[in-house]
Each structure stands twice: as C-alpha cells, then as structure tokens.
C-alpha cells in the first residue's frame, strides 16, 4: 500500500512558511503529554494543531481540554497558548476536512507526529485496521507531494499518480509512534530478531494478535514511503508509566493494574527478566526534542528506561491488618 505516493518534492521552498505541527492522538495518554512537550520544545513561531475526532471545533476543544486536565497538564478553561484543536477524523478522506481546510493545513505543515492508535491487545486485526492502518495511510497521503487519495484512485493505491501541481508542496517529515512489541521486545523480554523487527513469517503466525499486526503494518507502510523519499522516524516506546512530575497515569494500562494488584495482594509475581517502565513525560520530551533533528530521519528508535527487576526494586512489607495500602520503592535509576 502507498507505494505510488510521492514524497520527494521538486520545489526547494514551500509556498508559505511551515509553522504547524500536526499531532494525532492528543486526547490519549501519551498524546496529551506530546501536545505540551511539542509546544515547549518548538519556538513561539510554531503552533501545535491537534486533530480530534469531533463534528465541530467546540467539541474538539472540549475533548482535548478534558484530556489535558485529566492528566494534570493544564488548569482552567483554556487550551495552552500555541495549542489548537482541529475537528476531523483520521480515517476519513482528507482527515474529514473540507478541501480548502485540508489544503491550507498541508501548505502550513512543518511536521506530523502520529500518536493516534486503537490500543486493544485482545481485539482482532479487522477491528483495528481502520484506526491503525488506514489512519496511517491518511497521514502518508497528507505528507505526500501528490495529493490524490486512495478513493480518488478508484479504490487502488497503485493507481495514485503524481498530479501536475505538486511543485508548490514541500516535504513534510512524519514521526510515527509505534510499539516496542513490533520488534520482538516485551516488557520482560529482549529483541527477538537481528533486524530489529519481526519478519512476515512471524507476523503470519501471530495473525490473531491484532494490535501487533496493525502496528507492524503501519511501520512497514512508513518505511516503504521512506524508500520513496519520506523523511520519517519511528518511535517505539516500551511500557509507559505515569508522569515523573505529577504521577498522573493511564489507569486502565496493564502496568498500573499490575502494581495495584501487587499492593492489594501484598505479593508480586516471581518472573524471570526485567520489567521496563518509562515515565510518559520522558518519552514525550524525547520525541519532541528529537523531532527537530534530521539525524533521526530514517531510523527506528526504542524508548526505554533502564530495566527494572520486579523482585529487586519493589518492596512489599509483611502483611498487616493495620496496613490499608503498600508503598512501592523504586530504584534511584528511575529518577
């Protein structure tokens, strides 16, 4: 898919000054922190435009503001200066925007940070395809210098050809947030293959692991676009833990449920290997800062903290009826 999209522009300068950082997934856990980190890392000349699934701008702003509040990133009733919400839909043609708004966005783009994903490790691939695969295709269409979509190519991406008015479209880098599991790394495992990514044979065997397959598909679409000139970086976070500043975290995440279970049961599982936990704000700052550096283009980067041994770094005191909760003491290596 996307093999006929073109990403290398014949124009040395864009028709307008690129000043928009488009962020998808800003209402999610990592995405909310990325919105703030991108705004802080880029100069005031740039604005972070967050694409939010909504029917109108007011609803989009409300959803975005609600997420930023939930993770203790803002106070009050206003979005941070330099952060905007755009009502749209990632899986729709032209992101659900009108032709004029889509063109205006494209001409103002400085970079795209793709954090949106449907995360469900139990779901089958067909349930995740639209958000995790078609959504990636929509962003590749946006970054391309030829602006025909899959639908305009009569249902076949191979029919997409360069239009005659591509000279005004500049190149736009894509920063794709993936997952460590696409390269055979689990929170308690190690890299499985020398090339750093599962091969097609392995993916076929793991066909029922829909989330892994969908993110693997997204990565490979981005890499194939890179072979055609796209400037890209793939970021693979490990297990994302709460903020190192506020402690705000993604409550439904399995790592949080694991830690809560340890506290409630006064016991922890004896497992071989280490468990990775990386604060969400560390990951967001790393991506935001590195997105400004061309030396990362064409690379896949793993975002990990020092590995933690569950049995070594989590202390569970003896059970006592007087204790209603248990404190967890983490290694100084996490600070």
Protein backbone atom coordinates (compact mmCIF):
# COMPACT_ATOMS: atom_id res chain seq x y z
CA UNK A 1 0.00 0.00 0.00
CA UNK A 2 1.02 3.61 -0.59
CA UNK A 3 3.78 2.58 -3.00
CA UNK A 4 2.71 5.16 -5.57
CA UNK A 5 2.59 8.16 -3.25
CA UNK A 6 5.45 10.57 -3.87
CA UNK A 7 7.31 12.32 -1.08
CA UNK A 8 10.33 13.95 -2.72
CA UNK A 9 9.46 17.48 -3.81
CA UNK A 10 10.94 19.30 -6.79
CA UNK A 11 10.32 22.59 -5.01
CA UNK A 12 13.10 23.84 -2.75
CA UNK A 13 10.83 26.26 -0.87
CA UNK A 14 7.21 25.95 0.25
CA UNK A 15 4.64 28.46 -0.92
CA UNK A 16 4.05 29.56 2.70
CA UNK A 17 6.10 29.39 5.87
CA UNK A 18 5.53 25.98 7.55
CA UNK A 19 4.55 26.60 11.16
CA UNK A 20 2.07 23.86 12.08
CA UNK A 21 2.98 20.68 13.95
CA UNK A 22 0.07 18.30 13.37
CA UNK A 23 -0.46 15.89 16.26
CA UNK A 24 -2.87 12.97 16.20
CA UNK A 25 -3.96 11.10 19.32
CA UNK A 26 -3.74 14.15 21.58
CA UNK A 27 -6.73 13.00 23.65
CA UNK A 28 -4.83 9.85 24.60
CA UNK A 29 -2.34 9.42 27.44
CA UNK A 30 0.94 9.84 25.57
CA UNK A 31 -0.64 12.22 23.04
CA UNK A 32 -1.68 14.70 25.73
CA UNK A 33 1.88 14.89 27.03
CA UNK A 34 3.19 15.20 23.47
CA UNK A 35 0.96 18.23 22.87
CA UNK A 36 2.55 20.05 25.80
CA UNK A 37 6.10 18.85 25.07
CA UNK A 38 5.93 19.86 21.40
CA UNK A 39 4.68 23.31 22.31
CA UNK A 40 7.50 23.81 24.79
CA UNK A 41 10.25 22.46 22.53
CA UNK A 42 9.36 24.45 19.42
CA UNK A 43 9.65 28.21 19.19
CA UNK A 44 6.65 30.52 19.51
CA UNK A 45 6.53 30.74 15.72
CA UNK A 46 5.04 27.23 15.68
CA UNK A 47 1.61 26.02 16.70
CA UNK A 48 0.60 22.51 17.68
CA UNK A 49 -2.61 21.55 15.86
CA UNK A 50 -4.29 18.52 17.46
CA UNK A 51 -6.59 16.53 15.19
CA UNK A 52 -9.51 15.41 17.36
CA UNK A 53 -12.36 13.16 16.26
CA UNK A 54 -15.32 15.51 16.53
CA UNK A 55 -18.06 17.07 14.40
CA UNK A 56 -17.17 20.66 15.26
CA UNK A 57 -14.39 22.79 16.72
CA UNK A 58 -16.12 23.39 20.05
CA UNK A 59 -16.45 19.66 20.71
CA UNK A 60 -12.87 19.06 19.62
CA UNK A 61 -11.60 21.74 22.01
CA UNK A 62 -13.69 20.32 24.84
CA UNK A 63 -12.36 16.79 24.32
CA UNK A 64 -8.75 17.98 24.12
CA UNK A 65 -9.07 20.22 27.16
CA UNK A 66 -10.69 17.39 29.11
CA UNK A 67 -7.73 15.09 28.42
CA UNK A 68 -5.15 17.73 29.36
CA UNK A 69 -6.99 18.32 32.61
CA UNK A 70 -7.30 14.62 33.37
CA UNK A 71 -3.53 14.23 33.21
CA UNK A 72 -2.92 17.44 35.20
CA UNK A 73 -1.29 19.25 32.29
CA UNK A 74 -3.46 22.38 32.39
CA UNK A 75 -5.66 24.30 34.76
CA UNK A 76 -8.61 26.48 33.89
CA UNK A 77 -10.90 26.54 30.90
CA UNK A 78 -8.45 27.40 28.11
CA UNK A 79 -6.04 25.43 25.99
CA UNK A 80 -2.37 26.36 26.40
CA UNK A 81 -1.15 29.14 24.16
CA UNK A 82 0.00 27.74 20.84
CA UNK A 83 -2.10 24.56 21.09
CA UNK A 84 -5.19 24.29 18.88
CA UNK A 85 -7.85 21.65 18.29
CA UNK A 86 -8.99 20.70 14.79
CA UNK A 87 -12.24 18.80 14.36
CA UNK A 88 -11.81 15.93 11.93
CA UNK A 89 -11.48 12.18 11.58
CA UNK A 90 -8.18 10.44 10.97
CA UNK A 91 -9.63 7.59 8.92
CA UNK A 92 -11.71 9.76 6.60
CA UNK A 93 -10.59 11.13 3.23
CA UNK A 94 -8.60 14.33 3.79
CA UNK A 95 -8.92 13.71 7.53
CA UNK A 96 -12.58 14.67 7.38
CA UNK A 97 -11.69 18.27 6.50
CA UNK A 98 -13.04 20.38 3.66
CA UNK A 99 -10.85 20.67 0.58
CA UNK A 100 -9.88 24.24 1.43
CA UNK A 101 -9.03 23.50 5.08
CA UNK A 102 -7.07 20.40 4.09
CA UNK A 103 -5.05 22.36 1.52
CA UNK A 104 -4.45 25.19 3.99
CA UNK A 105 -3.26 22.69 6.61
CA UNK A 106 -0.97 20.94 4.13
CA UNK A 107 0.69 24.15 2.99
CA UNK A 108 1.36 25.20 6.60
CA UNK A 109 2.72 21.87 7.85
CA UNK A 110 6.19 21.70 9.35
CA UNK A 111 5.87 18.13 10.70
CA UNK A 112 3.38 15.40 11.59
CA UNK A 113 3.50 13.46 14.85
CA UNK A 114 1.32 10.35 14.64
CA UNK A 115 0.36 9.22 18.13
CA UNK A 116 -3.22 8.11 17.48
CA UNK A 117 -3.90 4.40 17.81
CA UNK A 118 -6.62 2.00 18.82
CA UNK A 119 -4.87 0.07 21.60
CA UNK A 120 -6.52 -3.24 22.38
CA UNK A 121 -4.34 -6.31 22.72
CA UNK A 122 -7.36 -8.62 22.67
CA UNK A 123 -9.00 -7.26 19.52
CA UNK A 124 -8.67 -8.93 16.14
CA UNK A 125 -6.93 -7.16 13.27
CA UNK A 126 -10.15 -6.21 11.38
CA UNK A 127 -11.33 -4.25 14.42
CA UNK A 128 -8.11 -2.21 14.48
CA UNK A 129 -7.43 -1.82 10.76
CA UNK A 130 -9.23 1.49 10.23
CA UNK A 131 -7.59 3.38 13.08
CA UNK A 132 -4.12 1.84 12.97
CA UNK A 133 -3.62 1.13 9.27
CA UNK A 134 -5.97 3.33 7.25
CA UNK A 135 -5.25 6.18 9.66
CA UNK A 136 -1.54 5.81 8.89
CA UNK A 137 -2.32 5.83 5.17
CA UNK A 138 -4.22 9.10 5.56
CA UNK A 139 -1.18 10.72 7.14
CA UNK A 140 1.06 9.40 4.38
CA UNK A 141 -1.35 10.94 1.87
CA UNK A 142 -1.06 14.22 3.77
CA UNK A 143 2.75 14.14 3.75
CA UNK A 144 2.94 13.22 0.07
CA UNK A 145 3.64 15.87 -2.54
CA UNK A 146 0.97 14.35 -4.80
CA UNK A 147 -2.44 14.83 -3.28
CA UNK A 148 -4.61 12.03 -4.66
CA UNK A 149 -6.24 9.81 -2.08
CA UNK A 150 -6.97 6.09 -2.21
CA UNK A 151 -10.59 6.81 -3.09
CA UNK A 152 -9.66 9.21 -5.88
CA UNK A 153 -7.50 6.45 -7.32
CA UNK A 154 -10.67 4.39 -7.77
CA UNK A 155 -10.01 2.09 -4.85
CA UNK A 156 -6.45 1.07 -5.67
CA UNK A 157 -3.48 2.82 -4.16
CA UNK A 158 -1.37 1.57 -7.06
CA UNK A 159 -3.34 3.90 -9.34
CA UNK A 160 -2.29 7.03 -7.45
CA UNK A 161 -0.09 9.16 -9.70
CA UNK A 162 1.59 12.50 -9.25
CA UNK A 163 -0.62 15.43 -10.09
CA UNK A 164 0.61 18.26 -12.24
CA UNK A 165 0.54 20.90 -9.49
CA UNK A 166 2.90 19.31 -6.94
CA UNK A 167 5.63 21.94 -7.25
CA UNK A 168 4.05 24.11 -4.51
CA UNK A 169 4.02 21.28 -1.96
CA UNK A 170 7.03 20.98 0.29
CA UNK A 171 8.31 17.86 2.05
CA UNK A 172 6.84 17.11 5.47
CA UNK A 173 8.53 14.73 7.94
CA UNK A 174 6.46 12.11 9.79
CA UNK A 175 7.16 10.96 13.34
CA UNK A 176 5.34 7.68 13.84
CA UNK A 177 4.65 6.39 17.36
CA UNK A 178 4.66 2.60 17.28
CA UNK A 179 5.27 -0.01 19.97
CA UNK A 180 8.24 -1.99 21.18
CA UNK A 181 6.44 -5.26 20.50
CA UNK A 182 6.80 -4.87 16.71
CA UNK A 183 10.49 -5.68 17.06
CA UNK A 184 10.06 -8.64 19.34
CA UNK A 185 10.56 -6.84 22.62
CA UNK A 186 8.20 -7.31 25.50
CA UNK A 187 8.34 -5.57 28.88
CA UNK A 188 10.03 -8.70 30.24
CA UNK A 189 11.85 -9.88 27.13
CA UNK A 190 14.55 -8.99 24.66
CA UNK A 191 14.94 -8.33 20.96
CA UNK A 192 13.88 -11.43 19.09
CA UNK A 193 15.37 -10.87 15.66
CA UNK A 194 18.62 -9.38 14.45
CA UNK A 195 16.96 -6.97 12.03
CA UNK A 196 15.10 -5.35 14.92
CA UNK A 197 11.63 -6.11 13.56
CA UNK A 198 9.52 -9.20 13.18
CA UNK A 199 9.50 -10.74 9.73
CA UNK A 200 6.43 -11.54 7.67
CA UNK A 201 6.57 -15.24 8.58
CA UNK A 202 6.34 -14.40 12.27
CA UNK A 203 3.53 -11.92 11.69
CA UNK A 204 1.53 -14.57 9.82
CA UNK A 205 1.89 -16.92 12.79
CA UNK A 206 0.73 -14.18 15.11
CA UNK A 207 -2.27 -13.27 12.99
CA UNK A 208 -4.60 -13.28 15.98
CA UNK A 209 -2.58 -10.62 17.76
CA UNK A 210 -4.42 -7.83 16.02
CA UNK A 211 -2.76 -4.87 17.70
CA UNK A 212 0.75 -6.12 16.96
CA UNK A 213 -0.13 -6.85 13.34
CA UNK A 214 -1.79 -3.46 12.82
CA UNK A 215 1.19 -1.52 14.23
CA UNK A 216 3.59 -3.69 12.24
CA UNK A 217 1.60 -2.85 9.11
CA UNK A 218 1.76 0.85 9.95
CA UNK A 219 5.52 0.73 10.47
CA UNK A 220 6.11 -1.02 7.20
CA UNK A 221 3.92 1.43 5.28
CA UNK A 222 6.00 4.27 6.72
CA UNK A 223 9.28 2.51 5.85
CA UNK A 224 8.14 1.87 2.28
CA UNK A 225 7.19 5.53 1.99
CA UNK A 226 10.67 6.33 3.29
CA UNK A 227 12.14 4.41 0.36
CA UNK A 228 10.23 6.82 -1.87
CA UNK A 229 11.59 9.94 -0.19
CA UNK A 230 9.56 10.43 3.01
CA UNK A 231 11.53 11.83 5.92
CA UNK A 232 10.40 9.76 8.88
CA UNK A 233 11.30 8.50 12.32
CA UNK A 234 9.63 5.53 14.02
CA UNK A 235 9.44 5.75 17.80
CA UNK A 236 8.89 2.53 19.77
CA UNK A 237 8.02 3.16 23.43
CA UNK A 238 8.12 0.36 25.92
CA UNK A 239 5.79 0.25 28.91
CA UNK A 240 4.68 3.83 29.59
CA UNK A 241 4.32 4.70 33.26
CA UNK A 242 2.98 7.82 34.97
CA UNK A 243 4.46 11.28 34.88
CA UNK A 244 7.71 11.70 36.79
CA UNK A 245 6.46 15.13 37.88
CA UNK A 246 2.80 14.74 38.84
CA UNK A 247 2.34 10.97 38.90
CA UNK A 248 -0.62 11.30 36.52
CA UNK A 249 -1.04 7.99 34.77
CA UNK A 250 -3.20 5.94 32.45
CA UNK A 251 -5.26 4.00 34.99
CA UNK A 252 -6.51 1.23 32.64
CA UNK A 253 -2.98 0.35 31.47
CA UNK A 254 -1.87 -3.15 32.44
CA UNK A 255 1.25 -1.94 34.27
CA UNK A 256 -0.90 0.17 36.60
CA UNK A 257 -3.28 -2.71 37.19
CA UNK A 258 -0.30 -4.95 37.92
CA UNK A 259 1.06 -2.53 40.51
CA UNK A 260 -2.38 -2.07 42.07
CA UNK A 261 -2.75 -5.85 42.25
CA UNK A 262 0.63 -6.14 43.96
CA UNK A 263 -0.46 -3.59 46.55
CA UNK A 264 -3.80 -5.25 47.16
CA UNK A 265 -2.49 -8.82 47.31
CA UNK A 266 0.69 -7.99 49.26
CA UNK A 267 2.60 -10.17 46.81
CA UNK A 268 4.34 -9.90 43.47
CA UNK A 269 4.91 -12.49 40.73
CA UNK A 270 8.26 -14.21 40.56
CA UNK A 271 9.26 -13.72 36.94
CA UNK A 272 12.49 -14.09 35.03
CA UNK A 273 13.82 -10.99 33.32
CA UNK A 274 13.15 -7.33 33.85
CA UNK A 275 10.21 -5.02 33.55
CA UNK A 276 10.54 -1.73 31.72
CA UNK A 277 8.71 1.35 32.93
CA UNK A 278 9.39 4.72 31.31
CA UNK A 279 7.68 7.91 32.52
CA UNK A 280 5.32 9.35 29.94
CA UNK A 281 6.81 12.84 30.17
CA UNK A 282 10.28 11.47 29.40
CA UNK A 283 9.01 9.84 26.23
CA UNK A 284 7.10 12.95 25.16
CA UNK A 285 10.09 15.24 25.69
CA UNK A 286 12.40 12.88 23.83
CA UNK A 287 10.15 12.71 20.78
CA UNK A 288 9.53 16.47 20.82
CA UNK A 289 13.20 17.38 21.00
CA UNK A 290 14.38 14.73 18.56
CA UNK A 291 11.69 15.66 16.03
CA UNK A 292 13.69 18.80 15.30
CA UNK A 293 16.87 16.86 14.45
CA UNK A 294 17.34 15.45 10.97
CA UNK A 295 19.89 12.88 12.19
CA UNK A 296 16.98 10.70 13.33
CA UNK A 297 15.33 10.53 9.89
CA UNK A 298 15.08 7.03 8.51
CA UNK A 299 15.63 5.42 11.90
CA UNK A 300 13.57 3.33 14.30
CA UNK A 301 14.26 4.36 17.89
CA UNK A 302 13.37 2.40 21.01
CA UNK A 303 12.32 4.47 24.01
CA UNK A 304 13.27 2.62 27.18
CA UNK A 305 14.42 3.38 30.68
CA UNK A 306 16.92 1.20 32.49
CA UNK A 307 15.36 -2.20 33.04
CA UNK A 308 13.91 -2.83 36.45
CA UNK A 309 13.86 -6.18 38.16
CA UNK A 310 10.42 -6.54 39.66
CA UNK A 311 11.62 -8.56 42.63
CA UNK A 312 14.63 -6.32 43.27
CA UNK A 313 13.12 -2.87 43.07
CA UNK A 314 9.63 -3.31 44.52
CA UNK A 315 9.47 -3.79 48.25
CA UNK A 316 6.38 -5.34 49.79
CA UNK A 317 6.34 -5.21 53.62
CA UNK A 318 4.86 -8.10 55.58
CA UNK A 319 1.08 -8.25 55.53
CA UNK A 320 -0.60 -6.49 58.41
CA UNK A 321 -4.22 -5.77 59.11
CA UNK A 322 -3.17 -2.27 60.16
CA UNK A 323 -1.91 -1.50 56.67
CA UNK A 324 -4.53 -0.42 54.17
CA UNK A 325 -2.02 0.14 51.38
CA UNK A 326 1.55 -0.70 50.45
CA UNK A 327 4.23 1.73 49.35
CA UNK A 328 6.39 0.90 46.35
CA UNK A 329 10.03 1.89 46.42
CA UNK A 330 11.61 2.27 43.00
CA UNK A 331 15.30 2.35 42.16
CA UNK A 332 17.07 5.69 42.03
CA UNK A 333 17.83 4.85 38.38
CA UNK A 334 14.28 5.96 37.58
CA UNK A 335 14.91 9.50 38.82
